């Protein structure tokens, strides 16, 4: 099964394409938008999905029906978020690439 999604949609939609001739389908992750990362869980029963939204950057576990559970959240900024399971499935590597910026204007310097 191959999982695909487009970034920048109002709601995360993940298309599941069968590589063995089965039916293709699409799942919607309700309440979450702006996909930043997508990786399969080791058991194939769900996906690790990164998202950024007004609360900040969030790593979700999404089952194959679209139910999302928050695993980790960074509220101080927005950026890419990924979750990648270890080969034995005992650990999860989390990438949180958060960008914050600030601008100052000085006059008479």
N, C-alpha and C. Protein backbone atom coordinates (compact mmCIF):
# COMPACT_ATOMS: atom_id res chain seq x y z
N UNK A 1 0.85 -1.17 0.00
CA UNK A 1 0.00 0.00 0.00
C UNK A 1 0.90 1.24 0.00
N UNK A 2 0.57 2.19 -0.80
CA UNK A 2 1.32 3.43 -0.92
C UNK A 2 0.45 4.57 -0.40
N UNK A 3 1.01 5.42 0.46
CA UNK A 3 0.27 6.55 1.01
C UNK A 3 0.78 7.84 0.38
N UNK A 4 -0.14 8.66 -0.13
CA UNK A 4 0.20 9.93 -0.76
C UNK A 4 -0.69 11.04 -0.19
N UNK A 5 -0.16 12.25 -0.15
CA UNK A 5 -0.96 13.38 0.28
C UNK A 5 -0.38 14.65 -0.33
N UNK A 6 -1.21 15.67 -0.41
CA UNK A 6 -0.77 16.97 -0.91
C UNK A 6 -0.65 17.95 0.25
N UNK A 7 0.38 18.76 0.22
CA UNK A 7 0.54 19.78 1.24
C UNK A 7 -0.31 21.00 0.88
N UNK A 8 -0.67 21.77 1.87
CA UNK A 8 -1.35 23.04 1.64
C UNK A 8 -2.86 22.94 1.48
N UNK A 9 -3.46 21.80 1.81
CA UNK A 9 -4.91 21.68 1.74
C UNK A 9 -5.54 22.18 3.03
N UNK A 10 -6.84 22.49 2.99
CA UNK A 10 -7.55 22.97 4.17
C UNK A 10 -7.68 21.87 5.23
N UNK A 11 -7.68 20.61 4.79
CA UNK A 11 -7.76 19.46 5.68
C UNK A 11 -6.84 18.38 5.10
N UNK A 12 -6.20 17.62 5.97
CA UNK A 12 -5.30 16.57 5.49
C UNK A 12 -6.11 15.42 4.90
N UNK A 13 -5.83 15.09 3.64
CA UNK A 13 -6.41 13.92 2.97
C UNK A 13 -5.26 13.03 2.54
N UNK A 14 -5.34 11.76 2.89
CA UNK A 14 -4.30 10.80 2.55
C UNK A 14 -4.90 9.76 1.61
N UNK A 15 -4.30 9.62 0.46
CA UNK A 15 -4.77 8.64 -0.52
C UNK A 15 -3.96 7.37 -0.35
N UNK A 16 -4.64 6.25 -0.20
CA UNK A 16 -4.00 4.95 -0.03
C UNK A 16 -4.18 4.16 -1.32
N UNK A 17 -3.06 3.90 -2.01
CA UNK A 17 -3.08 3.20 -3.29
C UNK A 17 -2.59 1.77 -3.09
N UNK A 18 -3.39 0.82 -3.52
CA UNK A 18 -3.02 -0.58 -3.41
C UNK A 18 -1.99 -0.93 -4.48
N UNK A 19 -0.95 -1.64 -4.09
CA UNK A 19 0.07 -2.10 -5.04
C UNK A 19 -0.16 -3.55 -5.44
N UNK A 20 -1.23 -4.16 -4.88
CA UNK A 20 -1.50 -5.58 -5.18
C UNK A 20 -2.84 -5.78 -5.90
N UNK A 21 -3.40 -4.71 -6.46
CA UNK A 21 -4.65 -4.83 -7.20
C UNK A 21 -5.90 -4.65 -6.37
N UNK A 22 -5.76 -4.33 -5.09
CA UNK A 22 -6.92 -4.08 -4.23
C UNK A 22 -7.52 -2.71 -4.50
N UNK A 23 -8.50 -2.35 -3.71
CA UNK A 23 -9.16 -1.06 -3.87
C UNK A 23 -8.32 0.08 -3.30
N UNK A 24 -8.28 1.18 -4.02
CA UNK A 24 -7.67 2.41 -3.53
C UNK A 24 -8.71 3.11 -2.65
N UNK A 25 -8.24 3.90 -1.70
CA UNK A 25 -9.18 4.67 -0.88
C UNK A 25 -8.51 5.94 -0.38
N UNK A 26 -9.32 6.79 0.22
CA UNK A 26 -8.83 8.05 0.75
C UNK A 26 -9.35 8.22 2.16
N UNK A 27 -8.46 8.70 3.05
CA UNK A 27 -8.90 9.00 4.41
C UNK A 27 -8.69 10.49 4.66
N UNK A 28 -9.59 11.08 5.42
CA UNK A 28 -9.50 12.48 5.81
C UNK A 28 -9.15 12.53 7.29
N UNK A 29 -8.20 13.38 7.63
CA UNK A 29 -7.81 13.58 9.02
C UNK A 29 -8.52 14.84 9.49
N UNK A 30 -9.69 14.67 10.05
CA UNK A 30 -10.55 15.80 10.41
C UNK A 30 -9.94 16.66 11.51
N UNK A 31 -10.02 17.97 11.30
CA UNK A 31 -9.52 18.91 12.29
C UNK A 31 -8.05 19.24 12.17
N UNK A 32 -7.36 18.65 11.22
CA UNK A 32 -5.93 18.90 11.04
C UNK A 32 -5.67 19.32 9.61
N UNK A 33 -4.74 20.24 9.43
CA UNK A 33 -4.41 20.72 8.10
C UNK A 33 -2.91 20.87 7.95
N UNK A 34 -2.49 21.19 6.78
CA UNK A 34 -1.09 21.46 6.45
C UNK A 34 -0.17 20.31 6.85
N UNK A 35 -0.18 19.29 6.04
CA UNK A 35 0.67 18.12 6.23
C UNK A 35 2.14 18.51 6.05
N UNK A 36 3.00 18.03 6.96
CA UNK A 36 4.44 18.29 6.84
C UNK A 36 5.27 17.01 6.82
N UNK A 37 4.66 15.87 7.15
CA UNK A 37 5.40 14.61 7.15
C UNK A 37 4.44 13.45 7.10
N UNK A 38 4.87 12.34 6.49
CA UNK A 38 4.00 11.18 6.34
C UNK A 38 4.86 9.92 6.28
N UNK A 39 4.75 9.04 7.28
CA UNK A 39 5.48 7.78 7.32
C UNK A 39 4.58 6.69 7.87
N UNK A 40 4.72 5.48 7.34
CA UNK A 40 3.96 4.33 7.82
C UNK A 40 4.45 3.90 9.19
N UNK A 41 3.51 3.45 10.03
CA UNK A 41 3.87 2.75 11.26
C UNK A 41 4.38 1.37 10.85
N UNK A 42 5.20 0.78 11.66
CA UNK A 42 5.85 -0.49 11.31
C UNK A 42 4.84 -1.62 11.07
N UNK A 43 3.73 -1.62 11.81
CA UNK A 43 2.74 -2.69 11.65
C UNK A 43 1.79 -2.47 10.47
N UNK A 44 1.88 -1.31 9.79
CA UNK A 44 1.04 -1.02 8.64
C UNK A 44 -0.40 -0.67 8.98
N UNK A 45 -0.71 -0.50 10.27
CA UNK A 45 -2.07 -0.20 10.69
C UNK A 45 -2.32 1.29 10.89
N UNK A 46 -1.33 2.11 10.61
CA UNK A 46 -1.48 3.55 10.78
C UNK A 46 -0.29 4.29 10.20
N UNK A 47 -0.34 5.60 10.34
CA UNK A 47 0.69 6.48 9.79
C UNK A 47 1.10 7.51 10.83
N UNK A 48 2.35 7.92 10.76
CA UNK A 48 2.81 9.05 11.55
C UNK A 48 2.72 10.26 10.64
N UNK A 49 1.94 11.25 11.07
CA UNK A 49 1.64 12.41 10.24
C UNK A 49 2.06 13.67 10.97
N UNK A 50 2.86 14.50 10.30
CA UNK A 50 3.23 15.80 10.84
C UNK A 50 2.27 16.86 10.32
N UNK A 51 1.97 17.82 11.17
CA UNK A 51 1.04 18.88 10.79
C UNK A 51 1.46 20.16 11.50
N UNK A 52 1.23 21.31 10.84
CA UNK A 52 1.31 22.55 11.60
C UNK A 52 0.02 23.32 11.42
N UNK A 53 -0.41 23.90 12.51
CA UNK A 53 -1.69 24.60 12.58
C UNK A 53 -1.55 25.68 13.66
N UNK A 54 -2.59 26.42 13.93
CA UNK A 54 -2.46 27.49 14.93
C UNK A 54 -1.86 27.09 16.27
N UNK A 55 -2.13 25.85 16.81
CA UNK A 55 -1.48 25.53 18.09
C UNK A 55 0.03 25.34 17.97
N UNK A 56 0.57 25.07 16.78
CA UNK A 56 1.99 24.82 16.61
C UNK A 56 2.24 23.62 15.72
N UNK A 57 3.41 23.01 15.85
CA UNK A 57 3.76 21.82 15.08
C UNK A 57 3.38 20.59 15.88
N UNK A 58 2.75 19.62 15.21
CA UNK A 58 2.20 18.46 15.91
C UNK A 58 2.55 17.17 15.17
N UNK A 59 2.90 16.13 15.92
CA UNK A 59 3.07 14.79 15.36
C UNK A 59 1.87 13.97 15.77
N UNK A 60 1.19 13.39 14.78
CA UNK A 60 -0.02 12.60 15.01
C UNK A 60 0.22 11.15 14.65
N UNK A 61 -0.51 10.25 15.30
CA UNK A 61 -0.64 8.88 14.83
C UNK A 61 -2.05 8.81 14.25
N UNK A 62 -2.17 8.42 12.98
CA UNK A 62 -3.46 8.36 12.30
C UNK A 62 -3.71 6.91 11.90
N UNK A 63 -4.87 6.36 12.35
CA UNK A 63 -5.20 5.00 11.93
C UNK A 63 -5.79 5.03 10.52
N UNK A 64 -6.08 3.88 9.96
CA UNK A 64 -6.50 3.81 8.56
C UNK A 64 -7.94 4.23 8.32
N UNK A 65 -8.62 4.66 9.38
CA UNK A 65 -9.96 5.23 9.22
C UNK A 65 -9.95 6.75 9.38
N UNK A 66 -8.77 7.33 9.68
CA UNK A 66 -8.64 8.78 9.78
C UNK A 66 -8.67 9.33 11.19
N UNK A 67 -8.76 8.45 12.20
CA UNK A 67 -8.74 8.91 13.59
C UNK A 67 -7.32 9.30 13.97
N UNK A 68 -7.16 10.52 14.51
CA UNK A 68 -5.84 11.04 14.84
C UNK A 68 -5.65 11.14 16.35
N UNK A 69 -4.44 10.80 16.79
CA UNK A 69 -4.06 10.93 18.19
C UNK A 69 -2.76 11.73 18.25
N UNK A 70 -2.74 12.76 19.08
CA UNK A 70 -1.55 13.60 19.23
C UNK A 70 -0.48 12.83 19.99
N UNK A 71 0.71 12.73 19.39
CA UNK A 71 1.85 12.09 20.05
C UNK A 71 2.80 13.10 20.66
N UNK A 72 2.99 14.21 19.97
CA UNK A 72 3.94 15.22 20.43
C UNK A 72 3.57 16.55 19.81
N UNK A 73 3.73 17.64 20.56
CA UNK A 73 3.38 18.95 20.03
C UNK A 73 4.38 19.99 20.53
N UNK A 74 4.75 20.87 19.61
CA UNK A 74 5.63 21.99 19.92
C UNK A 74 4.85 23.26 19.65
N UNK A 75 4.53 24.02 20.71
CA UNK A 75 3.64 25.16 20.58
C UNK A 75 4.35 26.48 20.35
N UNK A 76 5.68 26.49 20.37
CA UNK A 76 6.40 27.76 20.26
C UNK A 76 6.67 28.21 18.83
N UNK A 77 6.33 27.42 17.84
CA UNK A 77 6.59 27.79 16.46
C UNK A 77 5.98 26.80 15.51
N UNK A 78 6.14 27.08 14.22
CA UNK A 78 5.60 26.19 13.19
C UNK A 78 6.71 25.73 12.28
N UNK A 79 6.60 24.50 11.80
CA UNK A 79 7.60 23.95 10.88
C UNK A 79 7.30 22.51 10.58
N UNK A 80 8.25 21.85 9.94
CA UNK A 80 8.08 20.44 9.56
C UNK A 80 8.12 19.54 10.79
N UNK A 81 7.37 18.46 10.73
CA UNK A 81 7.34 17.47 11.82
C UNK A 81 7.25 16.09 11.18
N UNK A 82 8.11 15.17 11.60
CA UNK A 82 8.14 13.80 11.07
C UNK A 82 8.27 12.81 12.21
N UNK A 83 7.75 11.62 12.03
CA UNK A 83 7.96 10.51 12.95
C UNK A 83 8.37 9.30 12.15
N UNK A 84 9.46 8.66 12.52
CA UNK A 84 9.97 7.51 11.79
C UNK A 84 10.27 6.38 12.78
N UNK A 85 9.58 5.23 12.64
CA UNK A 85 9.80 4.13 13.59
C UNK A 85 11.12 3.42 13.33
N UNK A 86 11.69 2.88 14.42
CA UNK A 86 12.91 2.08 14.29
C UNK A 86 12.56 0.74 13.63
N UNK A 87 13.55 0.04 13.07
CA UNK A 87 13.27 -1.24 12.39
C UNK A 87 12.58 -2.28 13.28
N UNK A 88 12.81 -2.25 14.60
CA UNK A 88 12.15 -3.22 15.48
C UNK A 88 10.84 -2.68 16.05
N UNK A 89 10.48 -1.43 15.73
CA UNK A 89 9.22 -0.86 16.17
C UNK A 89 9.18 -0.42 17.62
N UNK A 90 10.30 -0.47 18.32
CA UNK A 90 10.32 -0.11 19.75
C UNK A 90 10.53 1.37 19.99
N UNK A 91 11.05 2.09 19.00
CA UNK A 91 11.37 3.51 19.18
C UNK A 91 10.80 4.32 18.03
N UNK A 92 10.67 5.60 18.28
CA UNK A 92 10.18 6.52 17.25
C UNK A 92 11.12 7.72 17.21
N UNK A 93 11.75 7.93 16.07
CA UNK A 93 12.59 9.13 15.89
C UNK A 93 11.66 10.26 15.46
N UNK A 94 11.83 11.42 16.09
CA UNK A 94 10.99 12.58 15.79
C UNK A 94 11.88 13.71 15.31
N UNK A 95 11.54 14.22 14.12
CA UNK A 95 12.21 15.41 13.60
C UNK A 95 11.26 16.58 13.78
N UNK A 96 11.70 17.59 14.46
CA UNK A 96 10.92 18.80 14.61
C UNK A 96 11.74 19.97 14.09
N UNK A 97 11.44 20.43 12.91
CA UNK A 97 12.15 21.54 12.29
C UNK A 97 11.27 22.77 12.42
N UNK A 98 11.55 23.59 13.42
CA UNK A 98 10.68 24.72 13.73
C UNK A 98 11.38 26.01 13.38
N UNK A 99 10.65 26.89 12.70
CA UNK A 99 11.20 28.17 12.30
C UNK A 99 10.46 29.29 13.03
N UNK A 100 11.21 30.11 13.71
CA UNK A 100 10.67 31.31 14.33
C UNK A 100 11.45 32.49 13.75
N UNK A 101 10.80 33.60 13.60
CA UNK A 101 11.50 34.76 13.07
C UNK A 101 11.00 36.02 13.75
N UNK A 102 11.82 37.03 13.67
CA UNK A 102 11.49 38.31 14.26
C UNK A 102 12.17 39.39 13.42
N UNK A 103 11.55 40.50 13.31
CA UNK A 103 12.15 41.59 12.53
C UNK A 103 12.19 42.86 13.39
N UNK A 104 13.28 43.57 13.27
CA UNK A 104 13.44 44.81 14.01
C UNK A 104 13.76 45.90 13.01
N UNK A 105 13.32 47.08 13.30
CA UNK A 105 13.62 48.23 12.46
C UNK A 105 14.26 49.30 13.34
N UNK A 106 15.46 49.70 12.96
CA UNK A 106 16.18 50.72 13.73
C UNK A 106 16.23 52.01 12.91
N UNK A 107 15.95 53.10 13.56
CA UNK A 107 16.03 54.39 12.90
C UNK A 107 17.12 55.22 13.59
N UNK A 108 17.83 56.04 12.83
CA UNK A 108 18.85 56.92 13.38
C UNK A 108 20.07 56.19 13.91
N UNK A 109 20.35 55.07 13.37
CA UNK A 109 21.49 54.27 13.82
C UNK A 109 22.77 54.78 13.24
